[in-house]
Amino acid sequence: MLKYVVAFSSKTGNTRAIAGRIFDALPAAAEEKEIVDIGESGFLMDAETYFIGFPVHRMTCGMDIIDSLSELHGVSIALFATCGAEPSEAYKKEIEQNVRAWVEDDNDYLGFFLCQGKMQDEIRERYDSLRNDENMEAIEKMIENFDEALSHPDELDLADASFFAKTLAKGKGVQDGE
């Protein structure tokens, strides 16, 4: 059995980047941890602790993540995600609550990490196509957010993801070199 599995679903590469940083930060030998793209493999290896990542869509995760979470029992689980919006604490808590509902009660829930990530170009095109006199101000704010998101996840986001993983691993009694 592995110590850690970092499993993720990623559409734009944002969640993949966070997953890679979390994987690198985990204090385990290479043979004791694995990173898995759920979208490609669709299954999870046996592990003591899972870091499960996803892109936020409509305040929750996709069915591939729901299916994976519902299969896990008696393990430790941490969640991580990326979203197009600059996440407020209230937004983060709502997403966490929505997705945590899929974590079975017999698991040890460790925590949630969320950061902003760039969006697909089609979203910007959709914003532009929706622009009219009545919604001009709202659409401009959405476009500003889109433009801000283009640089994310940035180095600070990646460092925060690394800190998240290291903190949770140490909280479980795992120290570097064990």
N, C-alpha and C. Protein backbone atom coordinates (compact mmCIF):
# COMPACT_ATOMS: atom_id res chain seq x y z
N MET A 1 0.84 -1.18 0.00
CA MET A 1 0.00 0.00 0.00
C MET A 1 0.89 1.25 0.00
N LEU A 2 0.48 2.23 -0.79
CA LEU A 2 1.21 3.49 -0.87
C LEU A 2 0.90 4.37 0.34
N LYS A 3 1.80 5.29 0.65
CA LYS A 3 1.51 6.29 1.67
C LYS A 3 0.55 7.33 1.11
N TYR A 4 0.81 7.78 -0.13
CA TYR A 4 0.03 8.86 -0.72
C TYR A 4 -0.33 8.58 -2.17
N VAL A 5 -1.54 8.99 -2.51
CA VAL A 5 -1.95 9.11 -3.91
C VAL A 5 -2.46 10.53 -4.10
N VAL A 6 -1.90 11.20 -5.10
CA VAL A 6 -2.39 12.51 -5.51
C VAL A 6 -3.15 12.25 -6.81
N ALA A 7 -4.47 12.40 -6.75
CA ALA A 7 -5.32 12.12 -7.91
C ALA A 7 -6.02 13.40 -8.31
N PHE A 8 -6.17 13.62 -9.60
CA PHE A 8 -6.75 14.87 -10.05
C PHE A 8 -7.46 14.71 -11.37
N SER A 9 -8.31 15.67 -11.65
CA SER A 9 -8.94 15.86 -12.94
C SER A 9 -8.58 17.28 -13.34
N SER A 10 -8.20 17.50 -14.60
CA SER A 10 -7.77 18.83 -15.02
C SER A 10 -8.17 19.07 -16.46
N LYS A 11 -8.78 20.22 -16.72
CA LYS A 11 -9.19 20.56 -18.08
C LYS A 11 -8.25 21.55 -18.75
N THR A 12 -7.70 22.47 -17.98
CA THR A 12 -6.84 23.51 -18.55
C THR A 12 -5.38 23.38 -18.12
N GLY A 13 -5.09 22.43 -17.24
CA GLY A 13 -3.74 22.27 -16.73
C GLY A 13 -3.52 22.90 -15.37
N ASN A 14 -4.48 23.71 -14.90
CA ASN A 14 -4.35 24.36 -13.59
C ASN A 14 -4.26 23.34 -12.46
N THR A 15 -5.21 22.45 -12.41
CA THR A 15 -5.26 21.47 -11.32
C THR A 15 -4.09 20.49 -11.44
N ARG A 16 -3.69 20.19 -12.66
CA ARG A 16 -2.51 19.33 -12.88
C ARG A 16 -1.27 19.98 -12.27
N ALA A 17 -1.11 21.29 -12.44
CA ALA A 17 0.05 21.99 -11.88
C ALA A 17 0.03 21.95 -10.35
N ILE A 18 -1.12 22.15 -9.75
CA ILE A 18 -1.23 22.09 -8.30
C ILE A 18 -0.96 20.66 -7.83
N ALA A 19 -1.49 19.68 -8.54
CA ALA A 19 -1.27 18.27 -8.17
C ALA A 19 0.22 17.94 -8.19
N GLY A 20 0.93 18.41 -9.20
CA GLY A 20 2.37 18.15 -9.29
C GLY A 20 3.12 18.75 -8.13
N ARG A 21 2.75 19.94 -7.73
CA ARG A 21 3.43 20.59 -6.61
C ARG A 21 3.13 19.87 -5.29
N ILE A 22 1.89 19.45 -5.11
CA ILE A 22 1.53 18.69 -3.91
C ILE A 22 2.30 17.38 -3.87
N PHE A 23 2.34 16.69 -5.00
CA PHE A 23 3.08 15.42 -5.08
C PHE A 23 4.54 15.61 -4.70
N ASP A 24 5.18 16.63 -5.26
CA ASP A 24 6.59 16.88 -4.97
C ASP A 24 6.82 17.23 -3.50
N ALA A 25 5.84 17.85 -2.87
CA ALA A 25 6.00 18.29 -1.47
C ALA A 25 5.80 17.18 -0.45
N LEU A 26 5.17 16.09 -0.84
CA LEU A 26 4.88 15.02 0.13
C LEU A 26 6.15 14.30 0.56
N PRO A 27 6.32 14.16 1.87
CA PRO A 27 7.56 13.58 2.41
C PRO A 27 7.54 12.05 2.38
N ALA A 28 7.68 11.51 1.19
CA ALA A 28 7.71 10.06 1.03
C ALA A 28 8.64 9.73 -0.13
N ALA A 29 9.20 8.55 -0.07
CA ALA A 29 10.06 8.08 -1.15
C ALA A 29 9.22 7.90 -2.41
N ALA A 30 9.86 7.95 -3.55
CA ALA A 30 9.16 7.86 -4.84
C ALA A 30 8.28 6.61 -4.93
N GLU A 31 8.74 5.51 -4.37
CA GLU A 31 7.95 4.27 -4.46
C GLU A 31 6.79 4.23 -3.46
N GLU A 32 6.68 5.24 -2.60
CA GLU A 32 5.62 5.28 -1.59
C GLU A 32 4.49 6.24 -1.96
N LYS A 33 4.58 6.88 -3.14
CA LYS A 33 3.55 7.82 -3.55
C LYS A 33 3.34 7.71 -5.05
N GLU A 34 2.15 8.13 -5.48
CA GLU A 34 1.80 8.05 -6.90
C GLU A 34 0.94 9.25 -7.25
N ILE A 35 1.05 9.72 -8.49
CA ILE A 35 0.20 10.78 -8.99
C ILE A 35 -0.61 10.21 -10.14
N VAL A 36 -1.92 10.49 -10.14
CA VAL A 36 -2.84 9.85 -11.09
C VAL A 36 -3.78 10.89 -11.68
N ASP A 37 -3.90 10.91 -12.99
CA ASP A 37 -4.91 11.72 -13.67
C ASP A 37 -6.17 10.87 -13.76
N ILE A 38 -7.16 11.20 -12.94
CA ILE A 38 -8.40 10.41 -12.89
C ILE A 38 -9.08 10.40 -14.25
N GLY A 39 -8.98 11.49 -14.98
CA GLY A 39 -9.59 11.56 -16.30
C GLY A 39 -8.99 10.56 -17.28
N GLU A 40 -7.72 10.23 -17.10
CA GLU A 40 -7.05 9.28 -17.99
C GLU A 40 -7.14 7.85 -17.50
N SER A 41 -6.93 7.64 -16.19
CA SER A 41 -6.88 6.26 -15.68
C SER A 41 -8.20 5.79 -15.10
N GLY A 42 -8.94 6.70 -14.46
CA GLY A 42 -10.24 6.34 -13.91
C GLY A 42 -10.21 5.46 -12.68
N PHE A 43 -9.04 5.15 -12.13
CA PHE A 43 -9.00 4.34 -10.92
C PHE A 43 -7.94 4.87 -9.97
N LEU A 44 -8.07 4.46 -8.71
CA LEU A 44 -7.12 4.89 -7.69
C LEU A 44 -6.42 3.68 -7.09
N MET A 45 -5.13 3.81 -6.84
CA MET A 45 -4.38 2.76 -6.18
C MET A 45 -4.66 2.82 -4.67
N ASP A 46 -4.39 1.73 -3.97
CA ASP A 46 -4.57 1.70 -2.52
C ASP A 46 -3.52 2.57 -1.85
N ALA A 47 -3.99 3.43 -0.93
CA ALA A 47 -3.08 4.32 -0.20
C ALA A 47 -3.67 4.65 1.17
N GLU A 48 -2.81 5.15 2.03
CA GLU A 48 -3.25 5.60 3.34
C GLU A 48 -3.91 6.97 3.24
N THR A 49 -3.35 7.85 2.39
CA THR A 49 -3.82 9.22 2.28
C THR A 49 -3.97 9.60 0.81
N TYR A 50 -5.09 10.27 0.52
CA TYR A 50 -5.38 10.73 -0.84
C TYR A 50 -5.51 12.25 -0.85
N PHE A 51 -4.86 12.87 -1.82
CA PHE A 51 -5.08 14.27 -2.13
C PHE A 51 -5.85 14.27 -3.46
N ILE A 52 -7.08 14.73 -3.43
CA ILE A 52 -7.96 14.65 -4.60
C ILE A 52 -8.22 16.07 -5.12
N GLY A 53 -7.89 16.31 -6.40
CA GLY A 53 -8.01 17.65 -6.97
C GLY A 53 -8.93 17.72 -8.17
N PHE A 54 -9.52 18.90 -8.36
CA PHE A 54 -10.52 19.08 -9.42
C PHE A 54 -10.65 20.56 -9.79
N PRO A 55 -11.13 20.82 -11.00
CA PRO A 55 -11.51 22.18 -11.35
C PRO A 55 -12.94 22.43 -10.85
N VAL A 56 -13.17 23.59 -10.30
CA VAL A 56 -14.51 23.92 -9.81
C VAL A 56 -15.41 24.24 -11.00
N HIS A 57 -16.56 23.64 -11.00
CA HIS A 57 -17.58 23.93 -12.01
C HIS A 57 -18.92 23.95 -11.31
N ARG A 58 -19.57 25.09 -11.36
CA ARG A 58 -20.88 25.26 -10.72
C ARG A 58 -20.85 24.91 -9.24
N MET A 59 -19.80 25.41 -8.59
CA MET A 59 -19.64 25.30 -7.13
C MET A 59 -19.39 23.88 -6.63
N THR A 60 -18.95 22.98 -7.50
CA THR A 60 -18.68 21.61 -7.06
C THR A 60 -17.64 20.97 -7.98
N CYS A 61 -17.51 19.67 -7.88
CA CYS A 61 -16.57 18.90 -8.70
C CYS A 61 -17.33 18.09 -9.74
N GLY A 62 -16.60 17.46 -10.64
CA GLY A 62 -17.21 16.63 -11.67
C GLY A 62 -17.54 15.23 -11.17
N MET A 63 -18.29 14.51 -11.97
CA MET A 63 -18.70 13.14 -11.62
C MET A 63 -17.51 12.21 -11.44
N ASP A 64 -16.42 12.42 -12.18
CA ASP A 64 -15.26 11.57 -12.02
C ASP A 64 -14.70 11.67 -10.60
N ILE A 65 -14.73 12.85 -10.01
CA ILE A 65 -14.25 13.04 -8.65
C ILE A 65 -15.26 12.47 -7.66
N ILE A 66 -16.53 12.71 -7.89
CA ILE A 66 -17.58 12.15 -7.02
C ILE A 66 -17.46 10.63 -6.98
N ASP A 67 -17.32 10.01 -8.13
CA ASP A 67 -17.19 8.55 -8.19
C ASP A 67 -15.96 8.08 -7.43
N SER A 68 -14.84 8.77 -7.59
CA SER A 68 -13.60 8.38 -6.90
C SER A 68 -13.75 8.53 -5.39
N LEU A 69 -14.32 9.64 -4.95
CA LEU A 69 -14.49 9.87 -3.51
C LEU A 69 -15.41 8.82 -2.90
N SER A 70 -16.45 8.44 -3.60
CA SER A 70 -17.42 7.48 -3.03
C SER A 70 -16.83 6.08 -2.91
N GLU A 71 -15.73 5.81 -3.60
CA GLU A 71 -15.07 4.50 -3.51
C GLU A 71 -14.10 4.39 -2.33
N LEU A 72 -13.76 5.52 -1.72
CA LEU A 72 -12.74 5.52 -0.66
C LEU A 72 -13.37 5.32 0.72
N HIS A 73 -12.79 4.39 1.48
CA HIS A 73 -13.28 4.09 2.83
C HIS A 73 -12.11 3.83 3.76
N GLY A 74 -12.19 4.41 4.96
CA GLY A 74 -11.18 4.14 5.99
C GLY A 74 -9.81 4.72 5.70
N VAL A 75 -9.77 5.81 4.94
CA VAL A 75 -8.50 6.44 4.58
C VAL A 75 -8.55 7.92 4.95
N SER A 76 -7.44 8.61 4.76
CA SER A 76 -7.39 10.05 4.96
C SER A 76 -7.52 10.73 3.60
N ILE A 77 -8.30 11.83 3.57
CA ILE A 77 -8.57 12.52 2.32
C ILE A 77 -8.41 14.03 2.50
N ALA A 78 -7.65 14.63 1.58
CA ALA A 78 -7.55 16.08 1.47
C ALA A 78 -8.03 16.45 0.07
N LEU A 79 -8.68 17.59 -0.03
CA LEU A 79 -9.19 18.06 -1.31
C LEU A 79 -8.42 19.31 -1.75
N PHE A 80 -8.27 19.48 -3.07
CA PHE A 80 -7.70 20.71 -3.61
C PHE A 80 -8.39 21.01 -4.92
N ALA A 81 -8.46 22.31 -5.26
CA ALA A 81 -9.18 22.70 -6.46
C ALA A 81 -8.64 24.01 -7.02
N THR A 82 -8.99 24.25 -8.28
CA THR A 82 -8.74 25.52 -8.92
C THR A 82 -10.05 26.05 -9.47
N CYS A 83 -10.16 27.37 -9.51
CA CYS A 83 -11.38 27.99 -10.03
C CYS A 83 -11.02 29.28 -10.77
N GLY A 84 -11.87 29.69 -11.67
CA GLY A 84 -11.61 30.90 -12.43
C GLY A 84 -11.75 32.17 -11.62
N ALA A 85 -12.64 32.15 -10.65
CA ALA A 85 -12.86 33.35 -9.83
C ALA A 85 -11.78 33.49 -8.77
N GLU A 86 -11.52 34.73 -8.36
CA GLU A 86 -10.64 34.96 -7.21
C GLU A 86 -11.42 34.47 -5.99
N PRO A 87 -10.97 33.40 -5.35
CA PRO A 87 -11.79 32.78 -4.30
C PRO A 87 -11.80 33.56 -2.97
N SER A 88 -12.98 33.92 -2.53
CA SER A 88 -13.15 34.49 -1.20
C SER A 88 -13.27 33.34 -0.20
N GLU A 89 -13.18 33.64 1.08
CA GLU A 89 -13.34 32.60 2.10
C GLU A 89 -14.73 31.98 2.03
N ALA A 90 -15.76 32.79 1.82
CA ALA A 90 -17.13 32.27 1.75
C ALA A 90 -17.29 31.33 0.55
N TYR A 91 -16.72 31.71 -0.59
CA TYR A 91 -16.76 30.89 -1.80
C TYR A 91 -16.03 29.56 -1.55
N LYS A 92 -14.86 29.65 -0.94
CA LYS A 92 -14.08 28.46 -0.63
C LYS A 92 -14.85 27.52 0.29
N LYS A 93 -15.47 28.06 1.33
CA LYS A 93 -16.22 27.22 2.27
C LYS A 93 -17.41 26.54 1.60
N GLU A 94 -18.08 27.26 0.71
CA GLU A 94 -19.23 26.67 0.03
C GLU A 94 -18.81 25.52 -0.87
N ILE A 95 -17.74 25.71 -1.63
CA ILE A 95 -17.24 24.63 -2.49
C ILE A 95 -16.81 23.44 -1.63
N GLU A 96 -16.06 23.72 -0.58
CA GLU A 96 -15.61 22.64 0.30
C GLU A 96 -16.80 21.86 0.85
N GLN A 97 -17.80 22.55 1.30
CA GLN A 97 -18.99 21.89 1.85
C GLN A 97 -19.68 21.04 0.77
N ASN A 98 -19.81 21.58 -0.41
CA ASN A 98 -20.46 20.85 -1.50
C ASN A 98 -19.73 19.57 -1.86
N VAL A 99 -18.41 19.63 -1.92
CA VAL A 99 -17.63 18.45 -2.33
C VAL A 99 -17.40 17.50 -1.15
N ARG A 100 -17.22 18.05 0.03
CA ARG A 100 -17.01 17.21 1.20
C ARG A 100 -18.20 16.28 1.45
N ALA A 101 -19.36 16.66 0.98
CA ALA A 101 -20.55 15.82 1.12
C ALA A 101 -20.34 14.44 0.47
N TRP A 102 -19.41 14.36 -0.47
CA TRP A 102 -19.14 13.09 -1.16
C TRP A 102 -18.06 12.25 -0.46
N VAL A 103 -17.45 12.80 0.59
CA VAL A 103 -16.44 12.06 1.36
C VAL A 103 -17.19 11.24 2.41
N GLU A 104 -17.05 9.93 2.33
CA GLU A 104 -17.75 9.04 3.25
C GLU A 104 -17.32 9.29 4.69
N ASP A 105 -18.24 9.07 5.62
CA ASP A 105 -18.02 9.36 7.04
C ASP A 105 -16.92 8.52 7.68
N ASP A 106 -16.60 7.35 7.11
CA ASP A 106 -15.57 6.51 7.72
C ASP A 106 -14.15 6.94 7.33
N ASN A 107 -14.04 8.03 6.58
CA ASN A 107 -12.73 8.57 6.21
C ASN A 107 -12.34 9.69 7.16
N ASP A 108 -11.04 9.96 7.22
CA ASP A 108 -10.51 11.08 7.99
C ASP A 108 -10.32 12.24 7.02
N TYR A 109 -11.15 13.28 7.16
CA TYR A 109 -11.07 14.44 6.27
C TYR A 109 -10.02 15.39 6.80
N LEU A 110 -9.05 15.76 5.95
CA LEU A 110 -7.90 16.55 6.38
C LEU A 110 -8.00 18.05 6.09
N GLY A 111 -8.64 18.44 5.00
CA GLY A 111 -8.71 19.85 4.67
C GLY A 111 -8.87 20.11 3.19
N PHE A 112 -8.91 21.41 2.83
CA PHE A 112 -9.20 21.83 1.47
C PHE A 112 -8.30 23.00 1.08
N PHE A 113 -7.75 22.94 -0.12
CA PHE A 113 -6.95 24.01 -0.70
C PHE A 113 -7.62 24.47 -1.99
N LEU A 114 -7.74 25.79 -2.17
CA LEU A 114 -8.34 26.35 -3.37
C LEU A 114 -7.53 27.54 -3.84
N CYS A 115 -7.29 27.61 -5.14
CA CYS A 115 -6.65 28.79 -5.72
C CYS A 115 -7.26 29.10 -7.08
N GLN A 116 -7.00 30.30 -7.53
CA GLN A 116 -7.48 30.74 -8.82
C GLN A 116 -6.68 30.07 -9.94
N GLY A 117 -7.33 29.86 -11.07
CA GLY A 117 -6.66 29.30 -12.23
C GLY A 117 -7.20 29.94 -13.50
N LYS A 118 -6.38 29.91 -14.53
CA LYS A 118 -6.81 30.50 -15.80
C LYS A 118 -7.99 29.74 -16.36
N MET A 119 -8.79 30.46 -17.15
CA MET A 119 -9.98 29.87 -17.77
C MET A 119 -9.74 29.66 -19.26
N GLN A 120 -10.60 28.87 -19.86
CA GLN A 120 -10.50 28.59 -21.28
C GLN A 120 -10.89 29.84 -22.08
N ASP A 121 -10.27 30.03 -23.24
CA ASP A 121 -10.52 31.19 -24.09
C ASP A 121 -12.00 31.32 -24.47
N GLU A 122 -12.69 30.20 -24.59
CA GLU A 122 -14.10 30.22 -24.96
C GLU A 122 -14.94 31.00 -23.94
N ILE A 123 -14.50 31.01 -22.70
CA ILE A 123 -15.24 31.74 -21.67
C ILE A 123 -15.17 33.24 -21.93
N ARG A 124 -13.99 33.72 -22.28
CA ARG A 124 -13.84 35.14 -22.61
C ARG A 124 -14.70 35.50 -23.82
N GLU A 125 -14.71 34.64 -24.81
CA GLU A 125 -15.53 34.87 -26.00
C GLU A 125 -17.02 34.92 -25.64
N ARG A 126 -17.43 34.04 -24.72
CA ARG A 126 -18.83 34.03 -24.27
C ARG A 126 -19.16 35.34 -23.55
N TYR A 127 -18.27 35.78 -22.67
CA TYR A 127 -18.48 37.05 -21.98
C TYR A 127 -18.68 38.18 -23.00
N ASP A 128 -17.80 38.25 -23.99
CA ASP A 128 -17.91 39.30 -25.01
C ASP A 128 -19.24 39.22 -25.76
N SER A 129 -19.68 38.03 -26.07
CA SER A 129 -20.93 37.87 -26.82
C SER A 129 -22.17 38.24 -26.01
N LEU A 130 -22.07 38.20 -24.69
CA LEU A 130 -23.19 38.53 -23.82
C LEU A 130 -23.31 40.02 -23.52
N ARG A 131 -22.30 40.78 -23.87
CA ARG A 131 -22.24 42.20 -23.53
C ARG A 131 -23.36 42.98 -24.22
N ASN A 132 -24.08 43.78 -23.41
CA ASN A 132 -25.08 44.71 -23.94
C ASN A 132 -25.16 45.91 -23.00
N ASP A 133 -26.03 46.86 -23.31
CA ASP A 133 -26.11 48.10 -22.51
C ASP A 133 -26.51 47.84 -21.06
N GLU A 134 -27.38 46.87 -20.83
CA GLU A 134 -27.87 46.60 -19.48
C GLU A 134 -26.83 45.91 -18.58
N ASN A 135 -25.96 45.09 -19.15
CA ASN A 135 -25.02 44.32 -18.32
C ASN A 135 -23.56 44.72 -18.50
N MET A 136 -23.33 45.85 -19.12
CA MET A 136 -21.96 46.28 -19.45
C MET A 136 -21.03 46.24 -18.23
N GLU A 137 -21.47 46.80 -17.12
CA GLU A 137 -20.62 46.86 -15.93
C GLU A 137 -20.31 45.45 -15.39
N ALA A 138 -21.32 44.60 -15.33
CA ALA A 138 -21.11 43.24 -14.83
C ALA A 138 -20.18 42.45 -15.75
N ILE A 139 -20.36 42.58 -17.04
CA ILE A 139 -19.51 41.87 -18.00
C ILE A 139 -18.08 42.38 -17.92
N GLU A 140 -17.90 43.67 -17.74
CA GLU A 140 -16.55 44.22 -17.61
C GLU A 140 -15.84 43.63 -16.39
N LYS A 141 -16.55 43.46 -15.29
CA LYS A 141 -15.96 42.84 -14.09
C LYS A 141 -15.59 41.39 -14.36
N MET A 142 -16.43 40.69 -15.09
CA MET A 142 -16.14 39.29 -15.43
C MET A 142 -14.90 39.21 -16.32
N ILE A 143 -14.77 40.13 -17.26
CA ILE A 143 -13.61 40.14 -18.14
C ILE A 143 -12.35 40.50 -17.36
N GLU A 144 -12.45 41.45 -16.43
CA GLU A 144 -11.30 41.79 -15.58
C GLU A 144 -10.85 40.56 -14.79
N ASN A 145 -11.80 39.81 -14.23
CA ASN A 145 -11.47 38.60 -13.49
C ASN A 145 -10.81 37.57 -14.42
N PHE A 146 -11.34 37.42 -15.63
CA PHE A 146 -10.76 36.51 -16.61
C PHE A 146 -9.31 36.87 -16.86
N ASP A 147 -9.06 38.15 -17.09
CA ASP A 147 -7.70 38.60 -17.36
C ASP A 147 -6.77 38.38 -16.17
N GLU A 148 -7.27 38.62 -14.96
CA GLU A 148 -6.48 38.39 -13.74
C GLU A 148 -6.14 36.91 -13.59
N ALA A 149 -7.07 36.06 -13.94
CA ALA A 149 -6.87 34.62 -13.78
C ALA A 149 -5.82 34.05 -14.74
N LEU A 150 -5.51 34.76 -15.80
CA LEU A 150 -4.57 34.24 -16.80
C LEU A 150 -3.20 33.89 -16.23
N SER A 151 -2.78 34.54 -15.16
CA SER A 151 -1.46 34.28 -14.58
C SER A 151 -1.49 33.21 -13.49
N HIS A 152 -2.62 32.60 -13.26
CA HIS A 152 -2.75 31.62 -12.17
C HIS A 152 -2.92 30.21 -12.72
N PRO A 153 -2.50 29.21 -11.97
CA PRO A 153 -1.81 29.33 -10.69
C PRO A 153 -0.41 29.90 -10.89
N ASP A 154 -0.07 30.86 -10.05
CA ASP A 154 1.25 31.49 -10.11
C ASP A 154 2.18 30.86 -9.07
N GLU A 155 3.38 31.39 -8.95
CA GLU A 155 4.36 30.81 -8.02
C GLU A 155 3.87 30.84 -6.57
N LEU A 156 3.16 31.88 -6.19
CA LEU A 156 2.61 31.94 -4.84
C LEU A 156 1.56 30.85 -4.62
N ASP A 157 0.69 30.65 -5.59
CA ASP A 157 -0.32 29.58 -5.50
C ASP A 157 0.37 28.21 -5.36
N LEU A 158 1.40 27.99 -6.15
CA LEU A 158 2.13 26.72 -6.10
C LEU A 158 2.84 26.53 -4.76
N ALA A 159 3.42 27.60 -4.24
CA ALA A 159 4.07 27.54 -2.93
C ALA A 159 3.04 27.26 -1.84
N ASP A 160 1.87 27.88 -1.95
CA ASP A 160 0.80 27.62 -0.98
C ASP A 160 0.32 26.17 -1.04
N ALA A 161 0.24 25.61 -2.24
CA ALA A 161 -0.14 24.21 -2.39
C ALA A 161 0.89 23.29 -1.74
N SER A 162 2.15 23.61 -1.93
CA SER A 162 3.23 22.84 -1.32
C SER A 162 3.14 22.90 0.21
N PHE A 163 2.92 24.08 0.73
CA PHE A 163 2.78 24.27 2.17
C PHE A 163 1.58 23.48 2.70
N PHE A 164 0.47 23.51 1.99
CA PHE A 164 -0.74 22.75 2.35
C PHE A 164 -0.40 21.27 2.49
N ALA A 165 0.27 20.71 1.49
CA ALA A 165 0.61 19.28 1.51
C ALA A 165 1.57 18.94 2.65
N LYS A 166 2.60 19.75 2.82
CA LYS A 166 3.58 19.49 3.88
C LYS A 166 2.94 19.59 5.26
N THR A 167 2.09 20.58 5.44
CA THR A 167 1.43 20.78 6.73
C THR A 167 0.53 19.59 7.06
N LEU A 168 -0.25 19.14 6.09
CA LEU A 168 -1.14 18.01 6.35
C LEU A 168 -0.34 16.72 6.59
N ALA A 169 0.74 16.53 5.84
CA ALA A 169 1.57 15.34 6.02
C ALA A 169 2.19 15.34 7.42
N LYS A 170 2.69 16.47 7.86
CA LYS A 170 3.29 16.54 9.21
C LYS A 170 2.23 16.36 10.29
N GLY A 171 1.04 16.88 10.04
CA GLY A 171 -0.07 16.72 10.98
C GLY A 171 -0.47 15.27 11.17
N LYS A 172 -0.15 14.45 10.20
CA LYS A 172 -0.44 13.01 10.30
C LYS A 172 0.72 12.25 10.91
N GLY A 173 1.71 12.99 11.40
CA GLY A 173 2.84 12.34 12.04
C GLY A 173 3.91 11.90 11.08
N VAL A 174 3.82 12.32 9.83
CA VAL A 174 4.82 11.96 8.84
C VAL A 174 5.86 13.06 8.79
N GLN A 175 7.10 12.71 8.95
CA GLN A 175 8.20 13.67 8.92
C GLN A 175 9.10 13.36 7.74
N ASP A 176 9.81 14.37 7.25
CA ASP A 176 10.76 14.15 6.16
C ASP A 176 11.73 13.05 6.54
N GLY A 177 11.97 12.15 5.61
CA GLY A 177 12.94 11.09 5.83
C GLY A 177 12.38 9.84 6.50
N GLU A 178 11.11 9.86 6.89
CA GLU A 178 10.56 8.64 7.51
C GLU A 178 10.23 7.61 6.48
